Amino acid sequence: MVVYLVPAARNRHELYFEAPDDAGRLSGPPEGFFRRWAFVATERWHALVDSARGSADHGRLARWRNAAICAVAESIAEQRTLWP
């Protein structure tokens, strides 16, 4: 976990932390069809984002796809930061 000290006012600071990416991942598929489907979809999304961040594809379409996937992942991470 990474903890930051963020200035909130002139003489006031607040703590902000980011949980590790693997904190929300389950160890195995859960029971039930829809939960299992959601688990598989989540795992595929994480694999797709990991490959897009680490990929060095040379095609224009591949670079655009990787940039779009990374932008969506960053947007999701920003929204999760705002959730209570």
PDB file of N, CA and C in Angstrom:
ATOM      1  N   MET A   1       0.847  -1.160   0.000  1.00  0.00           N
ATOM      2  CA  MET A   1       0.000   0.000   0.000  1.00  0.00           C
ATOM      3  C   MET A   1       0.898   1.230   0.000  1.00  0.00           C
ATOM      4  N   VAL A   2       0.527   2.198  -0.826  1.00  0.00           N
ATOM      5  CA  VAL A   2       1.259   3.454  -0.928  1.00  0.00           C
ATOM      6  C   VAL A   2       0.421   4.530  -0.259  1.00  0.00           C
ATOM      7  N   VAL A   3       1.039   5.287   0.663  1.00  0.00           N
ATOM      8  CA  VAL A   3       0.337   6.333   1.396  1.00  0.00           C
ATOM      9  C   VAL A   3       0.965   7.680   1.040  1.00  0.00           C
ATOM     10  N   TYR A   4       0.099   8.656   0.743  1.00  0.00           N
ATOM     11  CA  TYR A   4       0.549   9.999   0.402  1.00  0.00           C
ATOM     12  C   TYR A   4       0.009  10.995   1.420  1.00  0.00           C
ATOM     13  N   LEU A   5       0.753  12.047   1.638  1.00  0.00           N
ATOM     14  CA  LEU A   5       0.311  13.169   2.459  1.00  0.00           C
ATOM     15  C   LEU A   5      -0.055  14.296   1.495  1.00  0.00           C
ATOM     16  N   VAL A   6      -1.343  14.591   1.400  1.00  0.00           N
ATOM     17  CA  VAL A   6      -1.851  15.523   0.408  1.00  0.00           C
ATOM     18  C   VAL A   6      -2.242  16.830   1.090  1.00  0.00           C
ATOM     19  N   PRO A   7      -1.771  17.972   0.570  1.00  0.00           N
ATOM     20  CA  PRO A   7      -2.185  19.242   1.158  1.00  0.00           C
ATOM     21  C   PRO A   7      -3.663  19.510   0.869  1.00  0.00           C
ATOM     22  N   ALA A   8      -4.444  19.757   1.932  1.00  0.00           N
ATOM     23  CA  ALA A   8      -5.876  20.013   1.794  1.00  0.00           C
ATOM     24  C   ALA A   8      -6.187  21.493   1.988  1.00  0.00           C
ATOM     25  N   ALA A   9      -5.386  22.182   2.750  1.00  0.00           N
ATOM     26  CA  ALA A   9      -5.544  23.617   2.978  1.00  0.00           C
ATOM     27  C   ALA A   9      -4.156  24.191   3.245  1.00  0.00           C
ATOM     28  N   ARG A  10      -4.130  25.433   3.642  1.00  0.00           N
ATOM     29  CA  ARG A  10      -2.824  26.073   3.828  1.00  0.00           C
ATOM     30  C   ARG A  10      -1.998  25.378   4.905  1.00  0.00           C
ATOM     31  N   ASN A  11      -2.572  25.099   6.054  1.00  0.00           N
ATOM     32  CA  ASN A  11      -1.842  24.451   7.150  1.00  0.00           C
ATOM     33  C   ASN A  11      -2.434  23.091   7.496  1.00  0.00           C
ATOM     34  N   ARG A  12      -3.079  22.453   6.535  1.00  0.00           N
ATOM     35  CA  ARG A  12      -3.736  21.181   6.800  1.00  0.00           C
ATOM     36  C   ARG A  12      -3.399  20.170   5.708  1.00  0.00           C
ATOM     37  N   HIS A  13      -3.132  18.936   6.129  1.00  0.00           N
ATOM     38  CA  HIS A  13      -2.837  17.849   5.199  1.00  0.00           C
ATOM     39  C   HIS A  13      -3.733  16.654   5.524  1.00  0.00           C
ATOM     40  N   GLU A  14      -3.988  15.846   4.507  1.00  0.00           N
ATOM     41  CA  GLU A  14      -4.780  14.634   4.700  1.00  0.00           C
ATOM     42  C   GLU A  14      -4.032  13.463   4.107  1.00  0.00           C
ATOM     43  N   LEU A  15      -4.308  12.272   4.647  1.00  0.00           N
ATOM     44  CA  LEU A  15      -3.692  11.062   4.139  1.00  0.00           C
ATOM     45  C   LEU A  15      -4.497  10.516   2.977  1.00  0.00           C
ATOM     46  N   TYR A  16      -3.808  10.017   1.966  1.00  0.00           N
ATOM     47  CA  TYR A  16      -4.429   9.378   0.820  1.00  0.00           C
ATOM     48  C   TYR A  16      -3.640   8.108   0.559  1.00  0.00           C
ATOM     49  N   PHE A  17      -4.337   6.994   0.310  1.00  0.00           N
ATOM     50  CA  PHE A  17      -3.620   5.762   0.041  1.00  0.00           C
ATOM     51  C   PHE A  17      -4.201   5.067  -1.172  1.00  0.00           C
ATOM     52  N   GLU A  18      -3.371   4.296  -1.825  1.00  0.00           N
ATOM     53  CA  GLU A  18      -3.778   3.479  -2.953  1.00  0.00           C
ATOM     54  C   GLU A  18      -3.535   2.023  -2.589  1.00  0.00           C
ATOM     55  N   ALA A  19      -4.589   1.237  -2.666  1.00  0.00           N
ATOM     56  CA  ALA A  19      -4.464  -0.190  -2.394  1.00  0.00           C
ATOM     57  C   ALA A  19      -3.765  -0.861  -3.573  1.00  0.00           C
ATOM     58  N   PRO A  20      -3.068  -1.956  -3.333  1.00  0.00           N
ATOM     59  CA  PRO A  20      -2.435  -2.675  -4.441  1.00  0.00           C
ATOM     60  C   PRO A  20      -3.477  -3.179  -5.431  1.00  0.00           C
ATOM     61  N   ASP A  21      -3.074  -3.345  -6.699  1.00  0.00           N
ATOM     62  CA  ASP A  21      -3.993  -3.807  -7.737  1.00  0.00           C
ATOM     63  C   ASP A  21      -4.546  -5.198  -7.457  1.00  0.00           C
ATOM     64  N   ASP A  22      -3.784  -6.037  -6.798  1.00  0.00           N
ATOM     65  CA  ASP A  22      -4.216  -7.409  -6.550  1.00  0.00           C
ATOM     66  C   ASP A  22      -5.092  -7.547  -5.320  1.00  0.00           C
ATOM     67  N   ALA A  23      -5.409  -6.456  -4.637  1.00  0.00           N
ATOM     68  CA  ALA A  23      -6.168  -6.536  -3.391  1.00  0.00           C
ATOM     69  C   ALA A  23      -7.584  -7.052  -3.606  1.00  0.00           C
ATOM     70  N   GLY A  24      -8.208  -6.734  -4.735  1.00  0.00           N
ATOM     71  CA  GLY A  24      -9.580  -7.133  -4.971  1.00  0.00           C
ATOM     72  C   GLY A  24      -9.738  -8.455  -5.689  1.00  0.00           C
ATOM     73  N   ARG A  25      -8.671  -9.099  -6.084  1.00  0.00           N
ATOM     74  CA  ARG A  25      -8.758 -10.335  -6.848  1.00  0.00           C
ATOM     75  C   ARG A  25      -9.016 -11.526  -5.929  1.00  0.00           C
ATOM     76  N   LEU A  26      -9.866 -12.397  -6.402  1.00  0.00           N
ATOM     77  CA  LEU A  26     -10.171 -13.610  -5.655  1.00  0.00           C
ATOM     78  C   LEU A  26      -9.164 -14.700  -6.006  1.00  0.00           C
ATOM     79  N   SER A  27      -9.063 -15.715  -5.159  1.00  0.00           N
ATOM     80  CA  SER A  27      -8.096 -16.775  -5.406  1.00  0.00           C
ATOM     81  C   SER A  27      -8.621 -17.805  -6.395  1.00  0.00           C
ATOM     82  N   GLY A  28      -9.925 -17.975  -6.487  1.00  0.00           N
ATOM     83  CA  GLY A  28     -10.486 -18.961  -7.402  1.00  0.00           C
ATOM     84  C   GLY A  28     -11.874 -18.559  -7.822  1.00  0.00           C
ATOM     85  N   PRO A  29     -12.425 -19.283  -8.814  1.00  0.00           N
ATOM     86  CA  PRO A  29     -13.769 -18.926  -9.274  1.00  0.00           C
ATOM     87  C   PRO A  29     -14.821 -19.202  -8.212  1.00  0.00           C
ATOM     88  N   PRO A  30     -15.771 -18.290  -8.034  1.00  0.00           N
ATOM     89  CA  PRO A  30     -16.811 -18.473  -7.024  1.00  0.00           C
ATOM     90  C   PRO A  30     -17.915 -19.414  -7.508  1.00  0.00           C
ATOM     91  N   GLU A  31     -18.872 -19.681  -6.640  1.00  0.00           N
ATOM     92  CA  GLU A  31     -20.017 -20.520  -6.974  1.00  0.00           C
ATOM     93  C   GLU A  31     -21.051 -19.710  -7.734  1.00  0.00           C
ATOM     94  N   GLY A  32     -21.806 -20.368  -8.582  1.00  0.00           N
ATOM     95  CA  GLY A  32     -22.880 -19.710  -9.311  1.00  0.00           C
ATOM     96  C   GLY A  32     -22.450 -19.267 -10.696  1.00  0.00           C
ATOM     97  N   PHE A  33     -23.392 -19.340 -11.631  1.00  0.00           N
ATOM     98  CA  PHE A  33     -23.091 -19.024 -13.032  1.00  0.00           C
ATOM     99  C   PHE A  33     -22.691 -17.572 -13.217  1.00  0.00           C
ATOM    100  N   PHE A  34     -23.475 -16.619 -12.730  1.00  0.00           N
ATOM    101  CA  PHE A  34     -23.194 -15.201 -12.959  1.00  0.00           C
ATOM    102  C   PHE A  34     -21.952 -14.736 -12.224  1.00  0.00           C
ATOM    103  N   ARG A  35     -21.735 -15.228 -11.037  1.00  0.00           N
ATOM    104  CA  ARG A  35     -20.513 -14.853 -10.310  1.00  0.00           C
ATOM    105  C   ARG A  35     -19.281 -15.408 -10.995  1.00  0.00           C
ATOM    106  N   ARG A  36     -19.392 -16.629 -11.506  1.00  0.00           N
ATOM    107  CA  ARG A  36     -18.279 -17.241 -12.230  1.00  0.00           C
ATOM    108  C   ARG A  36     -18.015 -16.457 -13.523  1.00  0.00           C
ATOM    109  N   TRP A  37     -19.084 -16.052 -14.231  1.00  0.00           N
ATOM    110  CA  TRP A  37     -18.942 -15.279 -15.454  1.00  0.00           C
ATOM    111  C   TRP A  37     -18.283 -13.928 -15.155  1.00  0.00           C
ATOM    112  N   ALA A  38     -18.721 -13.260 -14.088  1.00  0.00           N
ATOM    113  CA  ALA A  38     -18.134 -11.969 -13.707  1.00  0.00           C
ATOM    114  C   ALA A  38     -16.665 -12.133 -13.320  1.00  0.00           C
ATOM    115  N   PHE A  39     -16.355 -13.226 -12.639  1.00  0.00           N
ATOM    116  CA  PHE A  39     -14.971 -13.502 -12.245  1.00  0.00           C
ATOM    117  C   PHE A  39     -14.092 -13.673 -13.483  1.00  0.00           C
ATOM    118  N   VAL A  40     -14.552 -14.462 -14.439  1.00  0.00           N
ATOM    119  CA  VAL A  40     -13.785 -14.702 -15.664  1.00  0.00           C
ATOM    120  C   VAL A  40     -13.630 -13.403 -16.456  1.00  0.00           C
ATOM    121  N   ALA A  41     -14.699 -12.598 -16.548  1.00  0.00           N
ATOM    122  CA  ALA A  41     -14.620 -11.326 -17.264  1.00  0.00           C
ATOM    123  C   ALA A  41     -13.630 -10.384 -16.594  1.00  0.00           C
ATOM    124  N   THR A  42     -13.617 -10.346 -15.279  1.00  0.00           N
ATOM    125  CA  THR A  42     -12.678  -9.498 -14.545  1.00  0.00           C
ATOM    126  C   THR A  42     -11.248  -9.946 -14.768  1.00  0.00           C
ATOM    127  N   GLU A  43     -11.015 -11.246 -14.717  1.00  0.00           N
ATOM    128  CA  GLU A  43      -9.667 -11.765 -14.944  1.00  0.00           C
ATOM    129  C   GLU A  43      -9.195 -11.466 -16.366  1.00  0.00           C
ATOM    130  N   ARG A  44     -10.089 -11.601 -17.342  1.00  0.00           N
ATOM    131  CA  ARG A  44      -9.724 -11.283 -18.728  1.00  0.00           C
ATOM    132  C   ARG A  44      -9.407  -9.795 -18.878  1.00  0.00           C
ATOM    133  N   TRP A  45     -10.181  -8.939 -18.224  1.00  0.00           N
ATOM    134  CA  TRP A  45      -9.925  -7.496 -18.288  1.00  0.00           C
ATOM    135  C   TRP A  45      -8.557  -7.168 -17.700  1.00  0.00           C
ATOM    136  N   HIS A  46      -8.235  -7.766 -16.536  1.00  0.00           N
ATOM    137  CA  HIS A  46      -6.926  -7.509 -15.927  1.00  0.00           C
ATOM    138  C   HIS A  46      -5.801  -7.992 -16.829  1.00  0.00           C
ATOM    139  N   ALA A  47      -5.963  -9.140 -17.462  1.00  0.00           N
ATOM    140  CA  ALA A  47      -4.948  -9.659 -18.376  1.00  0.00           C
ATOM    141  C   ALA A  47      -4.803  -8.748 -19.594  1.00  0.00           C
ATOM    142  N   LEU A  48      -5.915  -8.245 -20.110  1.00  0.00           N
ATOM    143  CA  LEU A  48      -5.888  -7.346 -21.260  1.00  0.00           C
ATOM    144  C   LEU A  48      -5.176  -6.041 -20.923  1.00  0.00           C
ATOM    145  N   VAL A  49      -5.459  -5.488 -19.749  1.00  0.00           N
ATOM    146  CA  VAL A  49      -4.813  -4.241 -19.338  1.00  0.00           C
ATOM    147  C   VAL A  49      -3.317  -4.471 -19.113  1.00  0.00           C
ATOM    148  N   ASP A  50      -2.962  -5.583 -18.480  1.00  0.00           N
ATOM    149  CA  ASP A  50      -1.541  -5.880 -18.259  1.00  0.00           C
ATOM    150  C   ASP A  50      -0.793  -6.028 -19.581  1.00  0.00           C
ATOM    151  N   SER A  51      -1.401  -6.701 -20.554  1.00  0.00           N
ATOM    152  CA  SER A  51      -0.726  -6.864 -21.841  1.00  0.00           C
ATOM    153  C   SER A  51      -0.659  -5.545 -22.603  1.00  0.00           C
ATOM    154  N   ALA A  52      -1.675  -4.699 -22.476  1.00  0.00           N
ATOM    155  CA  ALA A  52      -1.655  -3.400 -23.162  1.00  0.00           C
ATOM    156  C   ALA A  52      -0.591  -2.480 -22.569  1.00  0.00           C
ATOM    157  N   ARG A  53      -0.409  -2.523 -21.274  1.00  0.00           N
ATOM    158  CA  ARG A  53       0.601  -1.669 -20.633  1.00  0.00           C
ATOM    159  C   ARG A  53       2.016  -2.120 -20.943  1.00  0.00           C
ATOM    160  N   GLY A  54       2.214  -3.429 -21.092  1.00  0.00           N
ATOM    161  CA  GLY A  54       3.562  -3.945 -21.314  1.00  0.00           C
ATOM    162  C   GLY A  54       3.883  -4.231 -22.767  1.00  0.00           C
ATOM    163  N   SER A  55       2.957  -3.968 -23.666  1.00  0.00           N
ATOM    164  CA  SER A  55       3.136  -4.310 -25.069  1.00  0.00           C
ATOM    165  C   SER A  55       3.883  -3.215 -25.807  1.00  0.00           C
ATOM    166  N   ALA A  56       4.667  -3.636 -26.777  1.00  0.00           N
ATOM    167  CA  ALA A  56       5.379  -2.688 -27.634  1.00  0.00           C
ATOM    168  C   ALA A  56       5.029  -2.999 -29.085  1.00  0.00           C
ATOM    169  N   ASP A  57       3.727  -3.110 -29.377  1.00  0.00           N
ATOM    170  CA  ASP A  57       3.283  -3.398 -30.733  1.00  0.00           C
ATOM    171  C   ASP A  57       3.664  -2.252 -31.661  1.00  0.00           C
ATOM    172  N   HIS A  58       3.909  -2.605 -32.911  1.00  0.00           N
ATOM    173  CA  HIS A  58       4.381  -1.600 -33.857  1.00  0.00           C
ATOM    174  C   HIS A  58       3.305  -1.121 -34.811  1.00  0.00           C
ATOM    175  N   GLY A  59       2.203  -1.812 -34.908  1.00  0.00           N
ATOM    176  CA  GLY A  59       1.149  -1.386 -35.814  1.00  0.00           C
ATOM    177  C   GLY A  59       0.363  -0.215 -35.259  1.00  0.00           C
ATOM    178  N   ARG A  60      -0.154   0.597 -36.148  1.00  0.00           N
ATOM    179  CA  ARG A  60      -0.913   1.772 -35.740  1.00  0.00           C
ATOM    180  C   ARG A  60      -2.180   1.374 -34.995  1.00  0.00           C
ATOM    181  N   LEU A  61      -2.879   0.362 -35.487  1.00  0.00           N
ATOM    182  CA  LEU A  61      -4.107  -0.089 -34.839  1.00  0.00           C
ATOM    183  C   LEU A  61      -3.822  -0.694 -33.462  1.00  0.00           C
ATOM    184  N   ALA A  62      -2.726  -1.437 -33.339  1.00  0.00           N
ATOM    185  CA  ALA A  62      -2.363  -2.040 -32.052  1.00  0.00           C
ATOM    186  C   ALA A  62      -1.997  -0.966 -31.030  1.00  0.00           C
ATOM    187  N   ARG A  63      -1.272   0.054 -31.463  1.00  0.00           N
ATOM    188  CA  ARG A  63      -0.928   1.149 -30.548  1.00  0.00           C
ATOM    189  C   ARG A  63      -2.173   1.909 -30.118  1.00  0.00           C
ATOM    190  N   TRP A  64      -3.112   2.141 -31.052  1.00  0.00           N
ATOM    191  CA  TRP A  64      -4.358   2.819 -30.722  1.00  0.00           C
ATOM    192  C   TRP A  64      -5.182   1.996 -29.745  1.00  0.00           C
ATOM    193  N   ARG A  65      -5.274   0.679 -29.994  1.00  0.00           N
ATOM    194  CA  ARG A  65      -6.013  -0.208 -29.092  1.00  0.00           C
ATOM    195  C   ARG A  65      -5.407  -0.185 -27.699  1.00  0.00           C
ATOM    196  N   ASN A  66      -4.093  -0.302 -27.597  1.00  0.00           N
ATOM    197  CA  ASN A  66      -3.423  -0.292 -26.296  1.00  0.00           C
ATOM    198  C   ASN A  66      -3.630   1.044 -25.577  1.00  0.00           C
ATOM    199  N   ALA A  67      -3.577   2.143 -26.315  1.00  0.00           N
ATOM    200  CA  ALA A  67      -3.812   3.454 -25.702  1.00  0.00           C
ATOM    201  C   ALA A  67      -5.244   3.573 -25.206  1.00  0.00           C
ATOM    202  N   ALA A  68      -6.202   3.055 -25.968  1.00  0.00           N
ATOM    203  CA  ALA A  68      -7.609   3.115 -25.561  1.00  0.00           C
ATOM    204  C   ALA A  68      -7.849   2.267 -24.318  1.00  0.00           C
ATOM    205  N   ILE A  69      -7.267   1.085 -24.282  1.00  0.00           N
ATOM    206  CA  ILE A  69      -7.437   0.201 -23.122  1.00  0.00           C
ATOM    207  C   ILE A  69      -6.825   0.842 -21.884  1.00  0.00           C
ATOM    208  N   CYS A  70      -5.639   1.422 -22.016  1.00  0.00           N
ATOM    209  CA  CYS A  70      -4.993   2.078 -20.877  1.00  0.00           C
ATOM    210  C   CYS A  70      -5.794   3.294 -20.413  1.00  0.00           C
ATOM    211  N   ALA A  71      -6.379   4.040 -21.347  1.00  0.00           N
ATOM    212  CA  ALA A  71      -7.182   5.206 -20.979  1.00  0.00           C
ATOM    213  C   ALA A  71      -8.433   4.782 -20.217  1.00  0.00           C
ATOM    214  N   VAL A  72      -9.082   3.710 -20.664  1.00  0.00           N
ATOM    215  CA  VAL A  72     -10.272   3.217 -19.963  1.00  0.00           C
ATOM    216  C   VAL A  72      -9.894   2.705 -18.578  1.00  0.00           C
ATOM    217  N   ALA A  73      -8.777   1.988 -18.473  1.00  0.00           N
ATOM    218  CA  ALA A  73      -8.333   1.473 -17.169  1.00  0.00           C
ATOM    219  C   ALA A  73      -8.020   2.620 -16.213  1.00  0.00           C
ATOM    220  N   GLU A  74      -7.371   3.673 -16.699  1.00  0.00           N
ATOM    221  CA  GLU A  74      -7.079   4.830 -15.858  1.00  0.00           C
ATOM    222  C   GLU A  74      -8.355   5.541 -15.428  1.00  0.00           C
ATOM    223  N   SER A  75      -9.323   5.629 -16.337  1.00  0.00           N
ATOM    224  CA  SER A  75     -10.593   6.254 -15.996  1.00  0.00           C
ATOM    225  C   SER A  75     -11.322   5.459 -14.915  1.00  0.00           C
ATOM    226  N   ILE A  76     -11.295   4.148 -15.019  1.00  0.00           N
ATOM    227  CA  ILE A  76     -11.910   3.296 -13.999  1.00  0.00           C
ATOM    228  C   ILE A  76     -11.202   3.483 -12.657  1.00  0.00           C
ATOM    229  N   ALA A  77      -9.876   3.545 -12.694  1.00  0.00           N
ATOM    230  CA  ALA A  77      -9.122   3.744 -11.448  1.00  0.00           C
ATOM    231  C   ALA A  77      -9.448   5.097 -10.817  1.00  0.00           C
ATOM    232  N   GLU A  78      -9.603   6.135 -11.639  1.00  0.00           N
ATOM    233  CA  GLU A  78      -9.971   7.451 -11.094  1.00  0.00           C
ATOM    234  C   GLU A  78     -11.352   7.426 -10.471  1.00  0.00           C
ATOM    235  N   GLN A  79     -12.299   6.758 -11.115  1.00  0.00           N
ATOM    236  CA  GLN A  79     -13.645   6.676 -10.574  1.00  0.00           C
ATOM    237  C   GLN A  79     -13.673   5.887  -9.274  1.00  0.00           C
ATOM    238  N   ARG A  80     -12.887   4.845  -9.178  1.00  0.00           N
ATOM    239  CA  ARG A  80     -12.826   4.059  -7.943  1.00  0.00           C
ATOM    240  C   ARG A  80     -12.248   4.872  -6.809  1.00  0.00           C
ATOM    241  N   THR A  81     -11.364   5.818  -7.138  1.00  0.00           N
ATOM    242  CA  THR A  81     -10.802   6.690  -6.117  1.00  0.00           C
ATOM    243  C   THR A  81     -11.901   7.557  -5.506  1.00  0.00           C
ATOM    244  N   LEU A  82     -12.888   7.926  -6.304  1.00  0.00           N
ATOM    245  CA  LEU A  82     -13.958   8.798  -5.836  1.00  0.00           C
ATOM    246  C   LEU A  82     -15.069   8.042  -5.101  1.00  0.00           C
ATOM    247  N   TRP A  83     -15.129   6.721  -5.239  1.00  0.00           N
ATOM    248  CA  TRP A  83     -16.177   5.945  -4.565  1.00  0.00           C
ATOM    249  C   TRP A  83     -15.956   5.960  -3.073  1.00  0.00           C
ATOM    250  N   PRO A  84     -17.037   6.002  -2.281  1.00  0.00           N
ATOM    251  CA  PRO A  84     -16.873   6.016  -0.811  1.00  0.00           C
ATOM    252  C   PRO A  84     -16.422   4.678  -0.271  1.00  0.00           C
TER     253      PRO A  84
END
